[in-house]
Amino acid sequence: MPPIPLSLSCLIAARDRQSAIITSMEAARAHLLIRGEVQGVFYRAFTRNVAVKLGLSGWVKNLYDGRVEAVFEGDRTLIEKAVQHCRVGPPGAYVNDIEVTWEGYSGQEKGFEIKY
């Protein structure tokens, strides 16, 4: 077998490293229901900013009963960080409780949006 040209071997090594990074990430999906003083305090914008900074996909929206609902998709460790930020919320918010349901990663979410 002829030797692999250096540039091709570098590409293969880079691909293998990228594959290792992807496989070491535990892809997950979390569905959150947030209770407390979380509407009218920019909670949805705060949540979107947290998700974008962490590179997560999903959405957030207000519910008619005063709760906020959110879905995060991405690396489980990063989702856990996002949930911790959501427990604090923006200035003016008071979070009583967050119900987190872990689901299988779907890959359907593209970017992060505020739903109305």
Protein backbone atom coordinates (compact mmCIF):
# COMPACT_ATOMS: atom_id res chain seq x y z
CA MET A 1 0.00 0.00 0.00
CA PRO A 2 1.47 3.40 -0.98
CA PRO A 3 2.06 5.93 1.81
CA ILE A 4 -0.73 8.41 2.44
CA PRO A 5 0.28 11.95 1.49
CA LEU A 6 0.88 14.15 4.53
CA SER A 7 -2.02 16.49 3.79
CA LEU A 8 -4.46 13.58 3.53
CA SER A 9 -3.15 11.97 6.74
CA CYS A 10 -3.65 15.32 8.54
CA LEU A 11 -7.23 15.45 7.27
CA ILE A 12 -7.87 11.91 8.47
CA ALA A 13 -6.39 12.68 11.90
CA ALA A 14 -8.49 15.87 12.16
CA ARG A 15 -11.62 13.93 11.19
CA ASP A 16 -10.85 11.26 13.80
CA ARG A 17 -10.35 13.92 16.51
CA GLN A 18 -13.64 15.58 15.53
CA SER A 19 -15.36 12.20 15.68
CA ALA A 20 -13.96 11.63 19.16
CA ILE A 21 -15.23 15.03 20.28
CA ILE A 22 -18.69 14.34 18.91
CA THR A 23 -18.89 10.89 20.48
CA SER A 24 -17.67 12.16 23.85
CA MET A 25 -20.57 14.64 23.91
CA GLU A 26 -23.69 13.19 25.49
CA ALA A 27 -26.46 14.58 23.30
CA ALA A 28 -29.63 15.19 25.29
CA ARG A 29 -32.91 17.05 25.36
CA ALA A 30 -34.46 18.64 28.44
CA HIS A 31 -38.03 19.90 28.76
CA LEU A 32 -38.44 22.52 31.49
CA LEU A 33 -41.48 23.96 33.23
CA ILE A 34 -40.50 26.99 35.30
CA ARG A 35 -42.75 28.29 38.09
CA GLY A 36 -42.56 31.58 39.96
CA GLU A 37 -42.44 35.25 39.03
CA VAL A 38 -41.11 34.51 35.56
CA GLN A 39 -43.34 36.49 33.21
CA GLY A 40 -42.93 40.19 32.53
CA VAL A 41 -39.30 40.14 33.73
CA PHE A 42 -37.51 39.28 30.44
CA TYR A 43 -37.17 35.64 31.46
CA ARG A 44 -37.59 34.34 27.89
CA ALA A 45 -34.92 36.70 26.52
CA PHE A 46 -32.63 35.72 29.39
CA THR A 47 -33.16 32.02 28.62
CA ARG A 48 -32.50 32.55 24.91
CA ASN A 49 -29.27 34.42 25.69
CA VAL A 50 -28.08 31.63 28.01
CA ALA A 51 -28.84 28.99 25.37
CA VAL A 52 -27.11 30.90 22.58
CA LYS A 53 -23.99 31.49 24.69
CA LEU A 54 -23.83 27.78 25.54
CA GLY A 55 -24.48 26.69 21.94
CA LEU A 56 -27.78 24.97 22.72
CA SER A 57 -30.81 24.65 20.46
CA GLY A 58 -34.47 24.78 21.41
CA TRP A 59 -37.16 27.24 22.35
CA VAL A 60 -38.85 29.06 25.24
CA LYS A 61 -42.40 30.40 25.66
CA ASN A 62 -44.83 31.79 28.22
CA LEU A 63 -47.74 29.60 29.29
CA TYR A 64 -51.21 30.92 30.09
CA ASP A 65 -50.96 29.73 33.70
CA GLY A 66 -47.97 32.00 34.45
CA ARG A 67 -45.24 29.40 33.97
CA VAL A 68 -42.50 29.44 31.35
CA GLU A 69 -41.82 26.36 29.23
CA ALA A 70 -38.46 25.69 27.59
CA VAL A 71 -36.70 22.96 25.63
CA PHE A 72 -32.92 22.66 25.38
CA GLU A 73 -31.06 20.32 23.02
CA GLY A 74 -27.32 19.74 22.94
CA ASP A 75 -24.62 18.45 25.23
CA ARG A 76 -26.09 17.28 28.56
CA THR A 77 -23.38 19.05 30.58
CA LEU A 78 -24.19 22.35 28.87
CA ILE A 79 -27.92 21.80 29.36
CA GLU A 80 -27.29 21.28 33.08
CA LYS A 81 -25.44 24.63 33.14
CA ALA A 82 -28.39 26.29 31.38
CA VAL A 83 -30.80 24.84 33.94
CA GLN A 84 -28.66 26.28 36.76
CA HIS A 85 -28.82 29.72 35.11
CA CYS A 86 -32.59 29.32 34.74
CA ARG A 87 -32.90 28.59 38.47
CA VAL A 88 -31.52 32.09 39.11
CA GLY A 89 -33.15 33.91 36.18
CA PRO A 90 -32.80 37.57 35.26
CA PRO A 91 -33.05 40.46 37.73
CA GLY A 92 -36.67 40.80 38.83
CA ALA A 93 -37.47 37.11 38.42
CA TYR A 94 -38.16 34.77 41.31
CA VAL A 95 -38.01 31.09 40.44
CA ASN A 96 -39.98 28.82 42.79
CA ASP A 97 -39.36 25.54 40.99
CA ILE A 98 -38.13 24.03 37.74
CA GLU A 99 -39.49 20.69 36.64
CA VAL A 100 -36.94 19.08 34.30
CA THR A 101 -37.84 16.10 32.15
CA TRP A 102 -34.92 14.48 30.31
CA GLU A 103 -35.81 13.16 26.88
CA GLY A 104 -33.96 11.57 24.00
CA TYR A 105 -32.06 13.91 21.71
CA SER A 106 -34.09 14.53 18.54
CA GLY A 107 -31.84 16.89 16.59
CA GLN A 108 -34.95 18.66 15.28
CA GLU A 109 -34.26 21.97 17.01
CA LYS A 110 -32.26 24.45 14.93
CA GLY A 111 -31.04 27.52 16.78
CA PHE A 112 -32.92 28.86 19.79
CA GLU A 113 -36.16 30.82 19.50
CA ILE A 114 -38.69 32.59 21.64
CA LYS A 115 -42.13 31.23 20.78
CA TYR A 116 -45.25 33.34 21.10
